[in-house]
């Protein structure tokens, strides 16, 4: 659309926004002046849904009233609590409910997926990743390689941006897959890059790898709740995510995993086992059932019983996504919010700033990564002092993520104005 740098235009966009009421569903952090800060840090920690407190307190009350009986005696029994998350989570990642399980933390889930899907052989033992990947992903993958007695220097294939560029071209990934296709066992990529905000072409990468029999997995930490996903239809083998960023489930909240049904129904696949991945029909036979019999769905990778207090806030957030109509309307607003921010920064002629996130809307989510050429830390400090909550990534990148559920166009306008005054 045609944007304008006038403040009144920003206010008009907010007045016409069909999702504007969802801002009221969240607690907004306040600055020193008692007014809400400009919170563009949802890519690190999403805001707290107001409904989360009541849901958590309900489970605390159930613990107090029922003790152990709360596993079965309440309206939402603890024993099957994870099942309340299955369908809404599946809707957000474009999966069938049987392909999704909410469990553990993201990096733990990476290890669990790799235990199943990284089965290196003498000829096919390499893993392809992007650079830079999120450090925890890199640590997990390198230690998986070492766990199998291999050297990451030999087994890790990294795809990098071309010289002078910041993001990775899809053809570079496909070319590396073709070059190493006889050696690659797994392709593991962050669907939206944490540093640049680049959204990778998931279906193209998946297809390019799978035609050579290569397993494909994605880290959706910066993608779930941010961009539309169709993991089942794209034929992705597995994926993992956290829920404290765009899913607004709170610090340390339960993470999630996707296992395509062709794998999820295969109970012969190797995996690390625990009692909650066991068939519910035999689970409580306990010591009388010494052999692990996995559930023929994604639940078969679940190790422990549901962590109730880190799942409860996610119920509140997922209900908001459903009320908003899912990712389609949220994505439409997100494209407009981030496009407006890009327009304002570019129209102001910030020669000391460079947006390193792709300008193409199908190659990014809501985050813009802004490279500051001069005194980057000082600039970030000035933004903080002016009531902006975004984040800084070494050595010189400011990440700003206007989020459609609770951010406004006027906040985008104010952010750009503050940046212009202090650059």
Protein backbone atom coordinates (compact mmCIF):
# COMPACT_ATOMS: atom_id res chain seq x y z
CA UNK A 1 0.00 0.00 0.00
CA UNK A 2 1.00 3.65 -0.25
CA UNK A 3 2.28 4.86 3.12
CA UNK A 4 2.62 8.37 4.48
CA UNK A 5 5.07 9.68 7.08
CA UNK A 6 2.40 11.90 8.68
CA UNK A 7 1.44 11.04 12.25
CA UNK A 8 -2.23 11.28 11.40
CA UNK A 9 -1.77 8.52 8.82
CA UNK A 10 -0.48 6.19 11.55
CA UNK A 11 -3.49 6.99 13.72
CA UNK A 12 -5.79 6.33 10.77
CA UNK A 13 -4.21 2.90 10.23
CA UNK A 14 -4.86 2.08 13.89
CA UNK A 15 -8.46 3.23 13.67
CA UNK A 16 -9.01 0.95 10.65
CA UNK A 17 -7.17 -2.03 12.16
CA UNK A 18 -9.63 -4.96 12.61
CA UNK A 19 -7.29 -6.49 15.24
CA UNK A 20 -6.85 -3.37 17.36
CA UNK A 21 -8.88 -4.73 20.29
CA UNK A 22 -6.42 -7.58 20.91
CA UNK A 23 -3.93 -5.17 22.43
CA UNK A 24 -6.29 -5.06 25.42
CA UNK A 25 -5.74 -8.78 25.97
CA UNK A 26 -2.16 -8.16 27.17
CA UNK A 27 -0.36 -6.50 30.05
CA UNK A 28 1.73 -3.63 28.64
CA UNK A 29 4.98 -2.82 30.50
CA UNK A 30 5.14 0.78 31.70
CA UNK A 31 8.03 3.21 31.47
CA UNK A 32 9.24 5.68 34.07
CA UNK A 33 6.55 8.11 32.95
CA UNK A 34 3.84 5.56 33.76
CA UNK A 35 2.93 5.12 30.09
CA UNK A 36 3.33 1.90 28.08
CA UNK A 37 6.76 1.47 26.53
CA UNK A 38 7.06 0.78 22.81
CA UNK A 39 7.46 -2.99 23.16
CA UNK A 40 9.17 -4.34 20.04
CA UNK A 41 10.79 -7.27 21.86
CA UNK A 42 8.23 -9.98 21.20
CA UNK A 43 10.93 -11.82 19.25
CA UNK A 44 12.66 -12.36 22.62
CA UNK A 45 9.75 -12.57 25.08
CA UNK A 46 6.13 -12.00 24.23
CA UNK A 47 3.88 -10.01 26.51
CA UNK A 48 1.74 -11.61 29.20
CA UNK A 49 -1.87 -12.38 28.24
CA UNK A 50 -4.18 -11.03 30.95
CA UNK A 51 -6.01 -14.37 30.97
CA UNK A 52 -2.82 -16.23 31.92
CA UNK A 53 -2.99 -15.31 35.60
CA UNK A 54 -6.44 -16.85 36.10
CA UNK A 55 -5.47 -20.05 34.30
CA UNK A 56 -2.30 -20.47 36.37
CA UNK A 57 -4.16 -19.64 39.59
CA UNK A 58 -6.80 -22.22 38.70
CA UNK A 59 -4.12 -24.92 38.61
CA UNK A 60 -2.59 -23.68 41.87
CA UNK A 61 -6.05 -23.92 43.42
CA UNK A 62 -6.48 -27.42 42.02
CA UNK A 63 -3.18 -28.44 43.59
CA UNK A 64 -4.27 -26.96 46.92
CA UNK A 65 -7.74 -28.52 46.86
CA UNK A 66 -7.11 -31.91 45.31
CA UNK A 67 -3.43 -32.77 45.68
CA UNK A 68 -2.63 -35.86 43.65
CA UNK A 69 -6.27 -36.24 42.62
CA UNK A 70 -5.91 -33.17 40.38
CA UNK A 71 -4.32 -35.47 37.83
CA UNK A 72 -7.80 -36.79 37.09
CA UNK A 73 -10.43 -34.91 39.13
CA UNK A 74 -10.46 -31.41 37.61
CA UNK A 75 -12.10 -29.91 34.54
CA UNK A 76 -8.72 -30.00 32.81
CA UNK A 77 -6.99 -33.07 34.26
CA UNK A 78 -3.23 -32.82 34.66
CA UNK A 79 -2.71 -36.31 33.30
CA UNK A 80 -3.89 -35.26 29.83
CA UNK A 81 -3.15 -31.54 30.09
CA UNK A 82 -0.90 -31.56 27.02
CA UNK A 83 -3.84 -32.69 24.92
CA UNK A 84 -5.56 -29.31 25.41
CA UNK A 85 -2.69 -27.70 23.49
CA UNK A 86 -2.53 -30.16 20.63
CA UNK A 87 -5.16 -28.82 18.22
CA UNK A 88 -4.53 -25.06 18.60
CA UNK A 89 -0.77 -25.62 18.29
CA UNK A 90 -1.31 -27.80 15.22
CA UNK A 91 -3.34 -25.03 13.60
CA UNK A 92 -0.49 -22.55 14.03
CA UNK A 93 2.15 -24.80 12.45
CA UNK A 94 -0.06 -26.26 9.74
CA UNK A 95 -0.04 -29.79 11.08
CA UNK A 96 -2.42 -32.60 11.91
CA UNK A 97 -3.05 -32.85 15.66
CA UNK A 98 -1.38 -36.26 15.84
CA UNK A 99 1.84 -34.69 14.53
CA UNK A 100 2.25 -32.17 17.37
CA UNK A 101 3.36 -32.48 20.98
CA UNK A 102 4.04 -29.67 23.47
CA UNK A 103 6.88 -30.75 25.76
CA UNK A 104 10.26 -29.85 27.25
CA UNK A 105 12.33 -26.89 26.02
CA UNK A 106 13.39 -26.18 22.46
CA UNK A 107 16.97 -27.43 22.68
CA UNK A 108 15.94 -30.57 24.55
CA UNK A 109 13.51 -31.24 21.70
CA UNK A 110 16.32 -30.75 19.15
CA UNK A 111 18.29 -33.47 20.91
CA UNK A 112 15.26 -35.78 21.00
CA UNK A 113 14.60 -35.28 17.29
CA UNK A 114 18.25 -35.77 16.40
CA UNK A 115 18.38 -38.96 18.45
CA UNK A 116 15.77 -40.32 16.06
CA UNK A 117 16.61 -38.69 12.75
CA UNK A 118 20.39 -38.30 12.79
CA UNK A 119 21.62 -41.83 12.10
CA UNK A 120 25.00 -41.23 10.46
CA UNK A 121 26.59 -43.87 8.26
CA UNK A 122 30.11 -44.10 6.90
CA UNK A 123 29.09 -42.38 3.68
CA UNK A 124 26.21 -40.17 4.82
CA UNK A 125 27.03 -38.37 8.05
CA UNK A 126 26.96 -34.61 7.43
CA UNK A 127 24.50 -31.99 8.70
CA UNK A 128 23.77 -28.74 6.85
CA UNK A 129 23.00 -25.57 8.86
CA UNK A 130 22.87 -21.85 8.20
CA UNK A 131 25.40 -19.38 9.57
CA UNK A 132 24.77 -17.68 11.83
CA UNK A 133 22.38 -20.13 13.45
CA UNK A 134 21.12 -19.51 16.97
CA UNK A 135 24.00 -20.58 19.28
CA UNK A 136 21.98 -23.17 21.18
CA UNK A 137 21.15 -24.91 17.90
CA UNK A 138 24.82 -24.90 16.94
CA UNK A 139 25.86 -26.31 20.31
CA UNK A 140 23.21 -29.02 20.12
CA UNK A 141 24.11 -30.08 16.58
CA UNK A 142 27.86 -30.07 17.20
CA UNK A 143 27.47 -32.19 20.32
CA UNK A 144 25.19 -34.59 18.45
CA UNK A 145 27.97 -35.01 15.90
CA UNK A 146 30.53 -35.56 18.65
CA UNK A 147 28.17 -38.00 20.38
CA UNK A 148 28.43 -40.21 17.30
CA UNK A 149 32.23 -40.13 17.40
CA UNK A 150 32.57 -37.65 14.56
CA UNK A 151 34.30 -34.28 14.22
CA UNK A 152 32.12 -31.20 13.54
CA UNK A 153 34.88 -29.87 11.29
CA UNK A 154 34.23 -32.80 8.98
CA UNK A 155 30.52 -33.33 9.51
CA UNK A 156 29.07 -29.79 9.63
CA UNK A 157 28.26 -28.04 6.35
CA UNK A 158 27.52 -24.33 6.76
CA UNK A 159 25.73 -22.16 4.23
CA UNK A 160 26.68 -18.50 4.48
CA UNK A 161 25.66 -15.21 2.86
CA UNK A 162 27.66 -14.16 -0.17
CA UNK A 163 30.42 -11.64 0.41
CA UNK A 164 28.91 -8.20 1.00
CA UNK A 165 25.45 -9.62 1.70
CA UNK A 166 23.69 -10.29 4.99
CA UNK A 167 21.15 -12.96 4.13
CA UNK A 168 21.39 -16.34 2.46
CA UNK A 169 20.03 -16.96 -1.01
CA UNK A 170 17.83 -20.00 -1.45
CA UNK A 171 19.90 -21.10 -4.43
CA UNK A 172 22.99 -21.19 -2.22
CA UNK A 173 21.25 -23.68 0.09
CA UNK A 174 20.00 -25.79 -2.82
CA UNK A 175 23.45 -25.75 -4.46
CA UNK A 176 25.11 -26.96 -1.25
CA UNK A 177 22.51 -29.72 -0.90
CA UNK A 178 23.27 -30.81 -4.46
CA UNK A 179 27.01 -30.64 -3.89
CA UNK A 180 26.91 -32.75 -0.72
CA UNK A 181 23.79 -34.82 -1.33
CA UNK A 182 25.62 -38.16 -1.08
CA UNK A 183 27.06 -37.14 2.30
CA UNK A 184 24.22 -35.26 3.97
CA UNK A 185 22.12 -37.04 6.58
CA UNK A 186 20.15 -34.03 7.88
CA UNK A 187 19.36 -30.46 6.90
CA UNK A 188 18.60 -28.41 10.04
CA UNK A 189 17.78 -24.71 9.60
CA UNK A 190 16.14 -21.95 11.64
CA UNK A 191 13.01 -21.11 9.65
CA UNK A 192 13.34 -17.41 10.53
CA UNK A 193 16.90 -16.39 11.30
CA UNK A 194 17.26 -14.88 14.76
CA UNK A 195 19.88 -12.33 13.68
CA UNK A 196 18.73 -11.08 10.28
CA UNK A 197 15.01 -11.87 10.48
CA UNK A 198 15.19 -13.73 7.15
CA UNK A 199 12.36 -16.19 6.49
CA UNK A 200 13.72 -19.16 4.58
CA UNK A 201 11.88 -20.89 1.73
CA UNK A 202 10.85 -23.96 3.72
CA UNK A 203 9.06 -25.93 0.95
CA UNK A 204 11.85 -25.40 -1.59
CA UNK A 205 14.59 -26.42 0.85
CA UNK A 206 12.57 -29.43 2.00
CA UNK A 207 11.93 -30.64 -1.52
CA UNK A 208 15.55 -30.14 -2.60
CA UNK A 209 16.84 -32.26 0.27
CA UNK A 210 14.20 -34.96 0.32
CA UNK A 211 14.64 -35.87 -3.34
CA UNK A 212 18.03 -37.18 -2.21
CA UNK A 213 16.65 -38.98 0.83
CA UNK A 214 17.90 -36.33 3.28
CA UNK A 215 15.95 -35.70 6.49
CA UNK A 216 14.82 -32.07 6.90
CA UNK A 217 14.13 -30.30 10.20
CA UNK A 218 13.44 -26.69 11.16
CA UNK A 219 13.79 -24.60 14.29
CA UNK A 220 10.60 -22.51 14.39
CA UNK A 221 11.53 -20.39 17.42
CA UNK A 222 11.17 -17.15 15.44
CA UNK A 223 8.57 -18.49 13.00
CA UNK A 224 5.71 -19.99 15.03
CA UNK A 225 3.09 -17.35 15.77
CA UNK A 226 4.92 -15.00 13.40
CA UNK A 227 4.45 -16.41 9.88
CA UNK A 228 1.99 -18.89 8.36
CA UNK A 229 3.29 -22.46 8.35
CA UNK A 230 2.14 -25.62 6.55
CA UNK A 231 4.49 -28.25 7.91
CA UNK A 232 2.35 -31.24 6.96
CA UNK A 233 1.70 -30.12 3.38
CA UNK A 234 5.33 -29.04 2.95
CA UNK A 235 6.32 -32.58 3.96
CA UNK A 236 8.81 -31.39 6.60
CA UNK A 237 10.22 -34.35 8.54
CA UNK A 238 10.41 -32.67 11.95
CA UNK A 239 10.38 -29.25 13.58
CA UNK A 240 10.83 -27.77 17.05
CA UNK A 241 9.90 -24.45 18.65
CA UNK A 242 9.69 -22.50 21.88
CA UNK A 243 6.55 -20.70 23.01
CA UNK A 244 7.85 -17.69 24.93
CA UNK A 245 8.42 -15.43 21.92
CA UNK A 246 5.52 -14.83 19.55
CA UNK A 247 3.39 -17.41 21.38
CA UNK A 248 3.44 -15.28 24.55
CA UNK A 249 3.51 -18.19 27.00
CA UNK A 250 6.02 -16.72 29.44
CA UNK A 251 9.67 -17.33 30.38
CA UNK A 252 10.66 -20.98 30.32
CA UNK A 253 7.28 -22.00 28.94
CA UNK A 254 6.81 -25.43 27.45
CA UNK A 255 8.18 -25.91 23.93
CA UNK A 256 6.81 -27.96 21.05
CA UNK A 257 7.72 -30.47 18.38
CA UNK A 258 6.30 -31.63 15.06
CA UNK A 259 6.87 -35.09 13.64
CA UNK A 260 5.34 -35.78 10.23
CA UNK A 261 2.75 -38.53 10.43
CA UNK A 262 4.75 -40.88 8.21
CA UNK A 263 7.33 -40.93 11.02
CA UNK A 264 5.00 -40.39 13.96
CA UNK A 265 3.07 -43.57 13.20
CA UNK A 266 6.26 -45.61 12.86
CA UNK A 267 6.69 -47.09 16.32
CA UNK A 268 9.91 -48.83 15.23
CA UNK A 269 11.87 -45.59 14.92
CA UNK A 270 14.66 -45.30 17.51
CA UNK A 271 14.17 -42.65 20.16
CA UNK A 272 14.95 -41.71 23.75
CA UNK A 273 12.05 -43.07 25.76
CA UNK A 274 10.17 -42.04 28.87
CA UNK A 275 6.95 -43.18 30.43
CA UNK A 276 4.74 -40.48 28.91
CA UNK A 277 5.70 -41.53 25.42
CA UNK A 278 4.34 -44.96 26.27
CA UNK A 279 0.96 -46.22 25.17
CA UNK A 280 -1.64 -44.77 27.63
CA UNK A 281 -3.38 -48.14 27.72
CA UNK A 282 -0.35 -49.71 29.39
CA UNK A 283 1.33 -46.67 30.94
CA UNK A 284 0.08 -47.30 34.47
CA UNK A 285 1.08 -50.93 34.49
CA UNK A 286 4.45 -49.39 35.39
CA UNK A 287 6.94 -52.11 36.44
CA UNK A 288 4.58 -54.75 35.06
CA UNK A 289 5.25 -53.35 31.57
CA UNK A 290 9.06 -53.20 31.25
CA UNK A 291 9.10 -52.75 27.48
CA UNK A 292 8.52 -49.31 25.96
CA UNK A 293 5.55 -49.26 23.56
CA UNK A 294 5.43 -45.79 21.95
CA UNK A 295 2.18 -44.04 21.11
CA UNK A 296 1.85 -44.01 17.28
CA UNK A 297 1.81 -40.21 17.05
CA UNK A 298 4.09 -37.33 18.08
CA UNK A 299 3.31 -38.12 21.72
CA UNK A 300 5.65 -41.09 21.31
CA UNK A 301 8.57 -38.69 21.80
CA UNK A 302 7.19 -37.28 25.06
CA UNK A 303 9.37 -38.33 27.96
CA UNK A 304 7.84 -36.88 31.11
CA UNK A 305 4.44 -35.90 32.44
CA UNK A 306 3.08 -32.46 31.47
CA UNK A 307 4.66 -29.44 33.27
CA UNK A 308 1.35 -27.87 34.27
CA UNK A 309 2.53 -24.43 35.36
CA UNK A 310 4.54 -23.85 32.18
CA UNK A 311 1.69 -25.11 29.99
CA UNK A 312 -1.14 -23.12 31.56
CA UNK A 313 -0.14 -19.67 30.17
CA UNK A 314 0.17 -21.17 26.69
CA UNK A 315 -3.51 -22.15 26.86
CA UNK A 316 -4.35 -18.48 27.38
CA UNK A 317 -2.24 -17.34 24.44
CA UNK A 318 -3.40 -20.01 22.01
CA UNK A 319 -7.00 -19.02 22.75
CA UNK A 320 -6.16 -15.47 21.65
CA UNK A 321 -4.70 -16.71 18.36
CA UNK A 322 -7.88 -18.66 17.70
CA UNK A 323 -10.04 -15.68 18.61
CA UNK A 324 -8.05 -13.54 16.18
CA UNK A 325 -8.78 -15.99 13.38
CA UNK A 326 -5.39 -17.66 13.17
CA UNK A 327 -2.32 -16.60 11.24
CA UNK A 328 -3.95 -15.22 8.09
CA UNK A 329 -5.31 -11.94 9.55
CA UNK A 330 -2.30 -11.61 11.86
CA UNK A 331 0.08 -12.02 8.94
CA UNK A 332 -1.81 -9.38 6.94
CA UNK A 333 -1.38 -6.86 9.75
CA UNK A 334 2.22 -7.91 10.34
CA UNK A 335 3.15 -7.29 6.70
CA UNK A 336 1.61 -3.84 6.95
CA UNK A 337 3.27 -2.99 10.30
CA UNK A 338 6.75 -4.02 9.24
CA UNK A 339 6.35 -2.53 5.78
CA UNK A 340 5.34 0.76 7.38
CA UNK A 341 8.42 0.70 9.62
CA UNK A 342 10.65 0.02 6.62
CA UNK A 343 9.00 2.88 4.72
CA UNK A 344 9.52 5.33 7.58
CA UNK A 345 13.17 4.42 8.05
CA UNK A 346 13.94 4.60 4.35
CA UNK A 347 11.99 7.79 3.71
CA UNK A 348 13.92 9.51 6.51
CA UNK A 349 17.17 8.79 4.68
CA UNK A 350 19.08 7.16 7.54
CA UNK A 351 22.53 6.93 5.97
CA UNK A 352 23.97 5.63 9.24
CA UNK A 353 21.46 2.73 9.30
CA UNK A 354 20.98 -0.28 7.03
CA UNK A 355 18.06 -2.70 7.18
CA UNK A 356 19.61 -6.15 6.74
CA UNK A 357 16.29 -8.03 6.79
CA UNK A 358 15.04 -8.86 3.28
CA UNK A 359 12.67 -6.28 1.84
CA UNK A 360 10.54 -8.97 0.15
CA UNK A 361 7.52 -9.71 2.35
CA UNK A 362 7.69 -13.47 1.70
CA UNK A 363 11.29 -13.53 2.95
CA UNK A 364 10.71 -12.06 6.41
CA UNK A 365 8.41 -12.10 9.40
CA UNK A 366 7.67 -9.08 11.58
CA UNK A 367 11.26 -8.43 12.70
CA UNK A 368 13.50 -5.82 11.12
CA UNK A 369 17.20 -6.05 11.91
CA UNK A 370 18.80 -2.64 11.67
CA UNK A 371 22.57 -2.35 11.31
CA UNK A 372 23.92 0.82 12.94
CA UNK A 373 27.13 1.99 11.29
CA UNK A 374 28.09 4.50 13.98
CA UNK A 375 28.08 4.11 17.78
CA UNK A 376 25.53 1.26 17.78
CA UNK A 377 25.47 0.65 21.52
CA UNK A 378 25.04 4.34 22.25
CA UNK A 379 22.13 4.47 19.81
CA UNK A 380 20.51 1.47 21.45
CA UNK A 381 20.93 3.10 24.86
CA UNK A 382 19.16 6.21 23.60
CA UNK A 383 16.25 4.12 22.35
CA UNK A 384 15.94 2.51 25.77
CA UNK A 385 16.04 5.89 27.49
CA UNK A 386 13.27 7.10 25.18
CA UNK A 387 10.93 4.29 26.22
CA UNK A 388 11.63 1.73 23.50
CA UNK A 389 12.01 -1.93 24.37
CA UNK A 390 13.80 -3.75 21.56
CA UNK A 391 17.11 -5.59 21.66
CA UNK A 392 20.73 -5.42 20.56
CA UNK A 393 22.83 -8.14 18.97
CA UNK A 394 26.58 -7.86 18.77
CA UNK A 395 28.33 -6.24 17.18
CA UNK A 396 26.01 -3.58 15.75
CA UNK A 397 22.47 -4.79 15.07
CA UNK A 398 19.25 -3.52 16.65
CA UNK A 399 16.30 -5.89 16.31
CA UNK A 400 12.79 -4.43 16.32
CA UNK A 401 9.71 -6.63 16.03
CA UNK A 402 6.33 -4.88 15.76
CA UNK A 403 3.94 -7.70 16.68
CA UNK A 404 0.39 -7.69 15.29
CA UNK A 405 -1.43 -8.90 18.41
CA UNK A 406 -0.41 -5.96 20.59
CA UNK A 407 1.60 -3.35 18.68
CA UNK A 408 0.16 -0.33 16.89
CA UNK A 409 1.01 1.68 13.80
CA UNK A 410 1.41 4.76 15.93
CA UNK A 411 4.06 2.96 17.95
CA UNK A 412 5.88 2.23 14.70
CA UNK A 413 5.66 5.92 13.79
CA UNK A 414 6.98 6.95 17.24
CA UNK A 415 9.83 4.43 17.06
CA UNK A 416 10.95 5.77 13.68
CA UNK A 417 10.74 9.34 14.97
CA UNK A 418 12.83 8.53 18.06
CA UNK A 419 15.40 6.76 15.90
CA UNK A 420 15.61 9.79 13.60
CA UNK A 421 16.16 12.13 16.53
CA UNK A 422 18.93 10.05 18.09
CA UNK A 423 20.82 8.44 15.22
